[in-house]
Amino acid sequence: MPPSISNFNAEEIGNGLYIISGMVTDETPEGMIVTLGGSTSASGITIIVESDGSFSCMLQLATDGSDTGTISATTSDAYSLESEEVYVFVSPTPP
């Protein structure tokens, strides 16, 4: 079975600073890599999955409107089975 990502979330703390988080379900999720994509500057960022399947990172997005859009996430397991892509919309708040 391919891995899956659930509870994918982008929570703005303020002024474009976000906590990106989610949960990977797989037989052995620890050490898997979640790769962010989408239409923002978060594209290309990678996050290592913890032993319980959780992942999170903080990132700063531009508040001038250039980082308004979607952030996506995918992962693949040791057998190269890839998860479905998940998405969240972000609209960073200007100071």
C-alpha atoms as a PDB file:
ATOM      1  CA  MET A   1       0.000   0.000   0.000  1.00  0.00           C
ATOM      2  CA  PRO A   2       1.284   3.504  -0.773  1.00  0.00           C
ATOM      3  CA  PRO A   3       1.706   5.955   2.107  1.00  0.00           C
ATOM      4  CA  SER A   4      -0.902   8.608   2.747  1.00  0.00           C
ATOM      5  CA  ILE A   5      -0.845  12.122   4.182  1.00  0.00           C
ATOM      6  CA  SER A   6      -3.656  13.318   6.431  1.00  0.00           C
ATOM      7  CA  ASN A   7      -4.384  16.362   8.578  1.00  0.00           C
ATOM      8  CA  PHE A   8      -2.257  18.535   6.258  1.00  0.00           C
ATOM      9  CA  ASN A   9      -2.464  22.056   7.634  1.00  0.00           C
ATOM     10  CA  ALA A  10      -0.876  25.490   7.283  1.00  0.00           C
ATOM     11  CA  GLU A  11      -1.468  27.636  10.360  1.00  0.00           C
ATOM     12  CA  GLU A  12      -0.412  31.265  10.181  1.00  0.00           C
ATOM     13  CA  ILE A  13       1.140  32.522  13.403  1.00  0.00           C
ATOM     14  CA  GLY A  14       1.281  36.062  12.027  1.00  0.00           C
ATOM     15  CA  ASN A  15       2.929  38.265   9.409  1.00  0.00           C
ATOM     16  CA  GLY A  16       3.343  35.382   6.950  1.00  0.00           C
ATOM     17  CA  LEU A  17       4.985  32.975   9.441  1.00  0.00           C
ATOM     18  CA  TYR A  18       3.362  29.550   9.087  1.00  0.00           C
ATOM     19  CA  ILE A  19       3.525  26.167  10.789  1.00  0.00           C
ATOM     20  CA  ILE A  20       3.078  23.455   8.171  1.00  0.00           C
ATOM     21  CA  SER A  21       2.101  20.075   9.628  1.00  0.00           C
ATOM     22  CA  GLY A  22       0.492  16.736   8.909  1.00  0.00           C
ATOM     23  CA  MET A  23       0.575  13.002   9.454  1.00  0.00           C
ATOM     24  CA  VAL A  24       2.013  10.244   7.255  1.00  0.00           C
ATOM     25  CA  THR A  25       0.450   6.784   7.464  1.00  0.00           C
ATOM     26  CA  ASP A  26       2.733   3.935   6.393  1.00  0.00           C
ATOM     27  CA  GLU A  27       4.158   0.701   7.822  1.00  0.00           C
ATOM     28  CA  THR A  28       7.368   2.527   8.838  1.00  0.00           C
ATOM     29  CA  PRO A  29       6.957   6.304   8.436  1.00  0.00           C
ATOM     30  CA  GLU A  30       9.998   7.366  10.472  1.00  0.00           C
ATOM     31  CA  GLY A  31      12.594   9.084   8.282  1.00  0.00           C
ATOM     32  CA  MET A  32      10.374   9.395   5.226  1.00  0.00           C
ATOM     33  CA  ILE A  33      10.618  12.711   3.398  1.00  0.00           C
ATOM     34  CA  VAL A  34       7.620  14.963   2.746  1.00  0.00           C
ATOM     35  CA  THR A  35       8.213  17.313  -0.187  1.00  0.00           C
ATOM     36  CA  LEU A  36       6.269  20.554  -0.470  1.00  0.00           C
ATOM     37  CA  GLY A  37       5.160  21.927  -3.818  1.00  0.00           C
ATOM     38  CA  GLY A  38       2.497  24.227  -5.158  1.00  0.00           C
ATOM     39  CA  SER A  39       2.414  27.848  -6.208  1.00  0.00           C
ATOM     40  CA  THR A  40       4.274  29.478  -3.286  1.00  0.00           C
ATOM     41  CA  SER A  41       7.926  29.857  -2.317  1.00  0.00           C
ATOM     42  CA  ALA A  42       7.480  26.772  -0.085  1.00  0.00           C
ATOM     43  CA  SER A  43       7.848  24.616  -3.211  1.00  0.00           C
ATOM     44  CA  GLY A  44      10.870  22.330  -2.909  1.00  0.00           C
ATOM     45  CA  ILE A  45      11.112  22.374   0.888  1.00  0.00           C
ATOM     46  CA  THR A  46      11.495  18.913   2.443  1.00  0.00           C
ATOM     47  CA  ILE A  47      10.465  17.758   5.925  1.00  0.00           C
ATOM     48  CA  ILE A  48      11.579  14.564   7.710  1.00  0.00           C
ATOM     49  CA  VAL A  49       8.791  12.441   9.215  1.00  0.00           C
ATOM     50  CA  GLU A  50       8.977  11.543  12.922  1.00  0.00           C
ATOM     51  CA  SER A  51       8.577   8.000  14.329  1.00  0.00           C
ATOM     52  CA  ASP A  52       4.867   8.596  15.078  1.00  0.00           C
ATOM     53  CA  GLY A  53       4.247   9.685  11.467  1.00  0.00           C
ATOM     54  CA  SER A  54       3.964  13.391  12.235  1.00  0.00           C
ATOM     55  CA  PHE A  55       5.818  16.134  10.388  1.00  0.00           C
ATOM     56  CA  SER A  56       6.033  19.894  10.804  1.00  0.00           C
ATOM     57  CA  CYS A  57       8.132  22.912   9.964  1.00  0.00           C
ATOM     58  CA  MET A  58       7.984  26.682  10.276  1.00  0.00           C
ATOM     59  CA  LEU A  59       8.354  28.820   7.209  1.00  0.00           C
ATOM     60  CA  GLN A  60       8.109  32.462   6.302  1.00  0.00           C
ATOM     61  CA  LEU A  61       5.999  33.410   3.297  1.00  0.00           C
ATOM     62  CA  ALA A  62       5.966  36.806   1.609  1.00  0.00           C
ATOM     63  CA  THR A  63       3.101  39.082   2.656  1.00  0.00           C
ATOM     64  CA  ASP A  64       3.067  41.112  -0.586  1.00  0.00           C
ATOM     65  CA  GLY A  65       0.640  38.715  -2.292  1.00  0.00           C
ATOM     66  CA  SER A  66       3.304  36.770  -4.198  1.00  0.00           C
ATOM     67  CA  ASP A  67       2.970  33.773  -1.843  1.00  0.00           C
ATOM     68  CA  THR A  68      -0.833  33.600  -1.885  1.00  0.00           C
ATOM     69  CA  GLY A  69      -1.833  30.223  -3.330  1.00  0.00           C
ATOM     70  CA  THR A  70      -1.567  26.527  -2.642  1.00  0.00           C
ATOM     71  CA  ILE A  71       1.002  24.455  -0.819  1.00  0.00           C
ATOM     72  CA  SER A  72       1.003  20.776  -1.718  1.00  0.00           C
ATOM     73  CA  ALA A  73       2.700  17.799  -0.073  1.00  0.00           C
ATOM     74  CA  THR A  74       3.717  14.321  -1.223  1.00  0.00           C
ATOM     75  CA  THR A  75       5.866  11.502   0.128  1.00  0.00           C
ATOM     76  CA  SER A  76       7.051   8.093  -1.021  1.00  0.00           C
ATOM     77  CA  ASP A  77       8.017   4.985   0.903  1.00  0.00           C
ATOM     78  CA  ALA A  78      10.993   2.606   0.731  1.00  0.00           C
ATOM     79  CA  TYR A  79       9.303   0.767  -2.167  1.00  0.00           C
ATOM     80  CA  SER A  80       8.973   4.006  -4.179  1.00  0.00           C
ATOM     81  CA  LEU A  81       5.193   3.997  -3.749  1.00  0.00           C
ATOM     82  CA  GLU A  82       4.021   7.605  -3.790  1.00  0.00           C
ATOM     83  CA  SER A  83       1.226   9.182  -1.766  1.00  0.00           C
ATOM     84  CA  GLU A  84      -1.562  11.178  -3.313  1.00  0.00           C
ATOM     85  CA  GLU A  85      -0.835  14.896  -3.345  1.00  0.00           C
ATOM     86  CA  VAL A  86      -2.618  16.939  -0.671  1.00  0.00           C
ATOM     87  CA  TYR A  87      -3.182  20.703  -0.759  1.00  0.00           C
ATOM     88  CA  VAL A  88      -3.824  23.660   1.514  1.00  0.00           C
ATOM     89  CA  PHE A  89      -4.527  27.277   0.520  1.00  0.00           C
ATOM     90  CA  VAL A  90      -2.503  30.079   2.139  1.00  0.00           C
ATOM     91  CA  SER A  91      -2.908  33.846   2.054  1.00  0.00           C
ATOM     92  CA  PRO A  92      -0.199  35.465   4.219  1.00  0.00           C
ATOM     93  CA  THR A  93      -1.386  38.449   6.234  1.00  0.00           C
ATOM     94  CA  PRO A  94       0.589  41.681   5.828  1.00  0.00           C
ATOM     95  CA  PRO A  95       1.965  43.294   8.982  1.00  0.00           C
END
